[in-house]
N, C-alpha and C. Protein backbone atom coordinates (compact mmCIF):
# COMPACT_ATOMS: atom_id res chain seq x y z
N UNK A 1 -4.26 -0.82 17.16
CA UNK A 1 -3.85 -1.69 16.07
C UNK A 1 -3.37 -3.01 16.67
N UNK A 2 -3.89 -4.10 16.14
CA UNK A 2 -3.53 -5.39 16.69
C UNK A 2 -2.12 -5.80 16.25
N UNK A 3 -1.53 -6.68 17.04
CA UNK A 3 -0.15 -7.12 16.78
C UNK A 3 -0.09 -8.02 15.55
N UNK A 4 0.89 -7.78 14.70
CA UNK A 4 1.13 -8.61 13.53
C UNK A 4 1.98 -9.78 14.00
N UNK A 5 1.55 -10.99 13.75
CA UNK A 5 2.17 -12.17 14.35
C UNK A 5 3.25 -12.83 13.48
N UNK A 6 3.77 -12.10 12.52
CA UNK A 6 4.83 -12.62 11.66
C UNK A 6 6.03 -11.69 11.78
N UNK A 7 7.20 -12.24 12.04
CA UNK A 7 8.42 -11.42 12.10
C UNK A 7 8.90 -11.16 10.68
N UNK A 8 8.99 -9.91 10.33
CA UNK A 8 9.40 -9.51 8.98
C UNK A 8 10.92 -9.36 8.96
N UNK A 9 11.54 -9.88 7.92
CA UNK A 9 13.00 -9.87 7.81
C UNK A 9 13.40 -8.99 6.63
N UNK A 10 14.42 -8.19 6.82
CA UNK A 10 14.94 -7.35 5.75
C UNK A 10 14.26 -5.99 5.70
N UNK A 11 14.48 -5.28 4.63
CA UNK A 11 13.94 -3.94 4.44
C UNK A 11 12.62 -4.05 3.69
N UNK A 12 11.63 -4.63 4.37
CA UNK A 12 10.33 -4.95 3.77
C UNK A 12 9.23 -4.44 4.69
N UNK A 13 8.10 -4.04 4.09
CA UNK A 13 6.95 -3.55 4.85
C UNK A 13 5.72 -4.35 4.46
N UNK A 14 4.83 -4.57 5.42
CA UNK A 14 3.51 -5.12 5.15
C UNK A 14 2.52 -3.98 5.31
N UNK A 15 1.76 -3.71 4.25
CA UNK A 15 0.82 -2.59 4.23
C UNK A 15 -0.59 -3.14 4.11
N UNK A 16 -1.48 -2.68 4.97
CA UNK A 16 -2.89 -3.02 4.87
C UNK A 16 -3.57 -1.88 4.12
N UNK A 17 -4.13 -2.16 2.92
CA UNK A 17 -4.74 -1.09 2.15
C UNK A 17 -6.00 -0.57 2.81
N UNK A 18 -6.30 0.71 2.57
CA UNK A 18 -7.56 1.29 3.04
C UNK A 18 -8.71 0.57 2.35
N UNK A 19 -9.88 0.57 2.97
CA UNK A 19 -11.04 -0.05 2.31
C UNK A 19 -11.36 0.65 1.00
N UNK A 20 -11.83 -0.12 0.02
CA UNK A 20 -12.17 0.44 -1.29
C UNK A 20 -13.38 1.36 -1.17
N UNK A 21 -13.39 2.44 -1.95
CA UNK A 21 -14.53 3.34 -2.02
C UNK A 21 -15.30 3.03 -3.30
N UNK A 22 -16.60 3.13 -3.21
CA UNK A 22 -17.43 2.91 -4.40
C UNK A 22 -17.26 4.12 -5.32
N UNK A 23 -17.02 3.87 -6.58
CA UNK A 23 -16.90 4.93 -7.57
C UNK A 23 -18.12 4.91 -8.48
N UNK A 24 -18.63 6.08 -8.80
CA UNK A 24 -19.74 6.14 -9.75
C UNK A 24 -19.19 6.62 -11.08
N UNK A 25 -19.68 6.04 -12.14
CA UNK A 25 -19.22 6.41 -13.47
C UNK A 25 -20.21 5.96 -14.51
N UNK A 26 -19.87 6.18 -15.76
CA UNK A 26 -20.82 5.89 -16.82
C UNK A 26 -20.46 4.65 -17.62
N UNK A 27 -19.40 3.93 -17.23
CA UNK A 27 -19.05 2.74 -17.99
C UNK A 27 -19.38 1.50 -17.16
N UNK A 28 -19.66 0.42 -17.84
CA UNK A 28 -19.96 -0.83 -17.17
C UNK A 28 -18.73 -1.71 -17.27
N UNK A 29 -18.28 -2.20 -16.12
CA UNK A 29 -17.09 -3.04 -16.08
C UNK A 29 -17.53 -4.45 -15.72
N UNK A 30 -17.13 -5.45 -16.50
CA UNK A 30 -17.52 -6.82 -16.16
C UNK A 30 -17.00 -7.23 -14.79
N UNK A 31 -17.75 -8.13 -14.13
CA UNK A 31 -17.35 -8.58 -12.80
C UNK A 31 -16.00 -9.28 -12.80
N UNK A 32 -15.61 -9.84 -13.94
CA UNK A 32 -14.34 -10.56 -14.01
C UNK A 32 -13.14 -9.63 -14.15
N UNK A 33 -13.39 -8.36 -14.48
CA UNK A 33 -12.29 -7.40 -14.62
C UNK A 33 -11.80 -6.98 -13.24
N UNK A 34 -10.49 -6.80 -13.11
CA UNK A 34 -9.94 -6.35 -11.84
C UNK A 34 -9.93 -4.83 -11.82
N UNK A 35 -10.59 -4.27 -10.83
CA UNK A 35 -10.64 -2.82 -10.71
C UNK A 35 -9.36 -2.29 -10.09
N UNK A 36 -9.00 -1.03 -10.39
CA UNK A 36 -7.82 -0.46 -9.75
C UNK A 36 -8.02 -0.44 -8.24
N UNK A 37 -6.97 -0.75 -7.50
CA UNK A 37 -7.10 -0.82 -6.05
C UNK A 37 -6.81 0.53 -5.41
N UNK A 38 -7.12 0.60 -4.15
CA UNK A 38 -6.83 1.80 -3.40
C UNK A 38 -5.31 2.00 -3.34
N UNK A 39 -4.87 3.22 -3.33
CA UNK A 39 -3.45 3.53 -3.39
C UNK A 39 -2.90 4.04 -2.06
N UNK A 40 -3.67 3.84 -0.99
CA UNK A 40 -3.25 4.28 0.34
C UNK A 40 -3.39 3.12 1.31
N UNK A 41 -2.61 3.15 2.37
CA UNK A 41 -2.73 2.11 3.37
C UNK A 41 -1.90 2.44 4.59
N UNK A 42 -1.93 1.54 5.55
CA UNK A 42 -1.18 1.74 6.78
C UNK A 42 -0.18 0.60 6.94
N UNK A 43 1.02 0.94 7.39
CA UNK A 43 2.05 -0.07 7.62
C UNK A 43 1.70 -0.81 8.91
N UNK A 44 1.57 -2.13 8.80
CA UNK A 44 1.23 -2.94 9.98
C UNK A 44 2.45 -3.71 10.50
N UNK A 45 3.49 -3.83 9.69
CA UNK A 45 4.72 -4.50 10.13
C UNK A 45 5.86 -4.07 9.23
N UNK A 46 7.05 -4.02 9.79
CA UNK A 46 8.23 -3.71 8.97
C UNK A 46 9.40 -4.54 9.44
N UNK A 47 10.31 -4.75 8.51
CA UNK A 47 11.50 -5.54 8.80
C UNK A 47 12.50 -4.77 9.64
N UNK A 48 13.60 -5.43 9.95
CA UNK A 48 14.62 -4.83 10.81
C UNK A 48 15.69 -4.08 10.05
N UNK A 49 15.56 -3.98 8.74
CA UNK A 49 16.54 -3.26 7.94
C UNK A 49 17.26 -4.19 7.00
N UNK A 50 18.24 -3.67 6.32
CA UNK A 50 18.96 -4.48 5.35
C UNK A 50 20.33 -3.90 5.07
N UNK A 51 20.99 -4.46 4.08
CA UNK A 51 22.32 -4.01 3.68
C UNK A 51 22.25 -3.60 2.21
N UNK A 52 22.74 -2.40 1.89
CA UNK A 52 22.70 -1.94 0.51
C UNK A 52 23.83 -2.58 -0.30
N UNK A 53 23.91 -2.24 -1.58
CA UNK A 53 24.89 -2.87 -2.45
C UNK A 53 26.34 -2.50 -2.11
N UNK A 54 26.53 -1.48 -1.27
CA UNK A 54 27.87 -1.08 -0.86
C UNK A 54 28.26 -1.65 0.51
N UNK A 55 27.36 -2.44 1.11
CA UNK A 55 27.63 -3.05 2.41
C UNK A 55 27.24 -2.20 3.60
N UNK A 56 26.58 -1.07 3.36
CA UNK A 56 26.14 -0.20 4.45
C UNK A 56 24.81 -0.71 5.02
N UNK A 57 24.67 -0.60 6.33
CA UNK A 57 23.41 -1.00 6.98
C UNK A 57 22.36 0.07 6.74
N UNK A 58 21.18 -0.36 6.33
CA UNK A 58 20.06 0.56 6.11
C UNK A 58 18.98 0.29 7.14
N UNK A 59 18.60 1.30 7.87
CA UNK A 59 17.50 1.21 8.82
C UNK A 59 16.20 1.53 8.08
N UNK A 60 15.08 0.97 8.51
CA UNK A 60 13.80 1.31 7.88
C UNK A 60 13.50 2.81 8.05
N UNK A 61 13.02 3.45 6.98
CA UNK A 61 12.70 4.88 7.03
C UNK A 61 11.29 5.14 7.53
N UNK A 62 10.45 4.10 7.52
CA UNK A 62 9.06 4.24 7.97
C UNK A 62 8.84 3.31 9.14
N UNK A 63 7.74 3.54 9.85
CA UNK A 63 7.47 2.73 11.04
C UNK A 63 6.03 2.22 11.01
N UNK A 64 5.74 1.27 11.87
CA UNK A 64 4.39 0.73 12.00
C UNK A 64 3.44 1.86 12.38
N UNK A 65 2.30 1.92 11.69
CA UNK A 65 1.31 2.96 11.95
C UNK A 65 1.35 4.10 10.95
N UNK A 66 2.44 4.22 10.17
CA UNK A 66 2.52 5.27 9.15
C UNK A 66 1.51 5.00 8.03
N UNK A 67 0.79 6.05 7.60
CA UNK A 67 -0.11 5.93 6.44
C UNK A 67 0.69 6.32 5.21
N UNK A 68 0.66 5.47 4.18
CA UNK A 68 1.54 5.65 3.04
C UNK A 68 0.76 5.63 1.72
N UNK A 69 1.40 6.20 0.69
CA UNK A 69 0.91 6.14 -0.69
C UNK A 69 1.78 5.15 -1.45
N UNK A 70 1.16 4.41 -2.36
CA UNK A 70 1.93 3.47 -3.17
C UNK A 70 1.28 3.36 -4.54
N UNK A 71 2.00 2.76 -5.49
CA UNK A 71 1.53 2.66 -6.87
C UNK A 71 0.58 1.50 -7.11
N UNK A 72 -0.09 1.54 -8.24
CA UNK A 72 -1.07 0.53 -8.61
C UNK A 72 -0.44 -0.87 -8.66
N UNK A 73 0.77 -0.96 -9.16
CA UNK A 73 1.41 -2.27 -9.31
C UNK A 73 2.44 -2.55 -8.23
N UNK A 74 2.42 -1.77 -7.15
CA UNK A 74 3.40 -1.95 -6.07
C UNK A 74 3.06 -3.16 -5.22
N UNK A 75 4.07 -3.82 -4.77
CA UNK A 75 3.91 -4.89 -3.79
C UNK A 75 3.38 -6.20 -4.32
N UNK A 76 3.36 -7.14 -3.43
CA UNK A 76 2.83 -8.47 -3.72
C UNK A 76 1.65 -8.69 -2.79
N UNK A 77 0.49 -8.98 -3.37
CA UNK A 77 -0.73 -9.17 -2.59
C UNK A 77 -0.67 -10.49 -1.84
N UNK A 78 -1.00 -10.44 -0.55
CA UNK A 78 -1.03 -11.65 0.28
C UNK A 78 -2.30 -11.61 1.12
N UNK A 79 -2.92 -12.75 1.30
CA UNK A 79 -4.08 -12.86 2.17
C UNK A 79 -3.68 -13.72 3.35
N UNK A 80 -3.69 -13.12 4.53
CA UNK A 80 -3.31 -13.82 5.75
C UNK A 80 -4.49 -13.75 6.71
N UNK A 81 -5.02 -14.89 7.10
CA UNK A 81 -6.20 -14.96 7.98
C UNK A 81 -7.34 -14.12 7.44
N UNK A 82 -7.59 -14.23 6.12
CA UNK A 82 -8.68 -13.53 5.43
C UNK A 82 -8.54 -12.00 5.44
N UNK A 83 -7.34 -11.49 5.63
CA UNK A 83 -7.08 -10.05 5.58
C UNK A 83 -6.07 -9.82 4.46
N UNK A 84 -6.34 -8.83 3.60
CA UNK A 84 -5.45 -8.52 2.48
C UNK A 84 -4.33 -7.59 2.94
N UNK A 85 -3.11 -7.96 2.61
CA UNK A 85 -1.92 -7.15 2.87
C UNK A 85 -1.11 -7.08 1.57
N UNK A 86 -0.26 -6.06 1.48
CA UNK A 86 0.70 -5.97 0.39
C UNK A 86 2.09 -5.95 0.99
N UNK A 87 2.94 -6.86 0.53
CA UNK A 87 4.33 -6.90 0.93
C UNK A 87 5.07 -5.98 -0.02
N UNK A 88 5.72 -4.94 0.52
CA UNK A 88 6.37 -3.94 -0.33
C UNK A 88 7.79 -3.68 0.10
N UNK A 89 8.62 -3.42 -0.89
CA UNK A 89 9.97 -2.92 -0.61
C UNK A 89 9.87 -1.41 -0.40
N UNK A 90 10.87 -0.86 0.25
CA UNK A 90 10.85 0.56 0.58
C UNK A 90 10.71 1.45 -0.66
N UNK A 91 11.38 1.06 -1.74
CA UNK A 91 11.35 1.89 -2.95
C UNK A 91 10.00 1.87 -3.67
N UNK A 92 9.10 0.96 -3.29
CA UNK A 92 7.76 0.91 -3.90
C UNK A 92 6.78 1.85 -3.22
N UNK A 93 7.15 2.41 -2.08
CA UNK A 93 6.28 3.32 -1.34
C UNK A 93 6.65 4.74 -1.72
N UNK A 94 5.64 5.52 -2.17
CA UNK A 94 5.89 6.89 -2.64
C UNK A 94 6.17 7.86 -1.51
N UNK A 95 5.47 7.71 -0.39
CA UNK A 95 5.68 8.64 0.70
C UNK A 95 4.74 8.38 1.86
N UNK A 96 4.99 9.09 2.95
CA UNK A 96 4.19 8.98 4.16
C UNK A 96 3.25 10.17 4.21
N UNK A 97 1.97 9.91 4.47
CA UNK A 97 0.97 10.97 4.57
C UNK A 97 1.09 11.68 5.92
N UNK A 98 0.88 12.98 5.92
CA UNK A 98 0.86 13.74 7.17
C UNK A 98 -0.32 13.28 8.01
N UNK A 99 -0.16 13.33 9.30
CA UNK A 99 -1.22 12.87 10.20
C UNK A 99 -2.51 13.67 9.97
N UNK A 100 -3.60 12.96 9.80
CA UNK A 100 -4.90 13.59 9.58
C UNK A 100 -5.20 13.93 8.13
N UNK A 101 -4.21 13.79 7.24
CA UNK A 101 -4.41 14.11 5.82
C UNK A 101 -4.87 12.86 5.08
N UNK A 102 -6.03 12.95 4.40
CA UNK A 102 -6.59 11.82 3.67
C UNK A 102 -6.95 12.27 2.25
N UNK A 103 -5.97 12.34 1.36
CA UNK A 103 -6.25 12.85 0.01
C UNK A 103 -7.07 11.88 -0.82
N UNK A 104 -7.76 12.40 -1.82
CA UNK A 104 -8.48 11.57 -2.78
C UNK A 104 -7.48 11.18 -3.86
N UNK A 105 -6.96 9.96 -3.78
CA UNK A 105 -5.93 9.50 -4.71
C UNK A 105 -6.55 8.48 -5.64
N UNK A 106 -6.45 8.71 -6.94
CA UNK A 106 -7.00 7.78 -7.93
C UNK A 106 -6.00 7.59 -9.07
N UNK A 107 -6.20 6.51 -9.80
CA UNK A 107 -5.39 6.33 -11.00
C UNK A 107 -5.92 7.25 -12.08
N UNK A 108 -5.14 7.46 -13.12
CA UNK A 108 -5.56 8.33 -14.22
C UNK A 108 -6.83 7.80 -14.88
N UNK A 109 -6.95 6.49 -15.01
CA UNK A 109 -8.14 5.89 -15.63
C UNK A 109 -9.39 6.22 -14.82
N UNK A 110 -9.32 6.09 -13.51
CA UNK A 110 -10.47 6.40 -12.66
C UNK A 110 -10.84 7.87 -12.77
N UNK A 111 -9.83 8.76 -12.80
CA UNK A 111 -10.10 10.19 -12.86
C UNK A 111 -10.82 10.55 -14.16
N UNK A 112 -10.41 10.00 -15.28
CA UNK A 112 -11.04 10.29 -16.57
C UNK A 112 -12.48 9.78 -16.58
N UNK A 113 -12.72 8.61 -16.03
CA UNK A 113 -14.07 8.02 -16.05
C UNK A 113 -15.05 8.76 -15.16
N UNK A 114 -14.59 9.59 -14.23
CA UNK A 114 -15.50 10.31 -13.35
C UNK A 114 -15.70 11.76 -13.76
N UNK A 115 -15.04 12.19 -14.84
CA UNK A 115 -15.26 13.57 -15.32
C UNK A 115 -16.68 13.70 -15.84
N UNK A 116 -17.27 14.83 -15.63
CA UNK A 116 -18.64 15.09 -16.11
C UNK A 116 -18.61 16.02 -17.30
């Protein structure tokens, strides 16, 4: 994994989403419509921690290289050097995937459209 050249501050993570998979279905979606994005990715950078509302120091719970699950509307999309990343707070990440585990994760809309 190449080095991320931006120092992240606070309890924030930069996640690079997995490449999109082609979905087959029976509906036609206009090119202008935004399709649901992939819900998995890898943490490429994380901040040094933060302070909670009670003044306690919080260390990051995840580390660079962790594969994570996140929600459809999680994070802020950023394009840096033509690479898409999502800037996410810790509470926007659902969990860390076990090593070697690659589940088929889809939104409810995608799941319904692929039923036969």
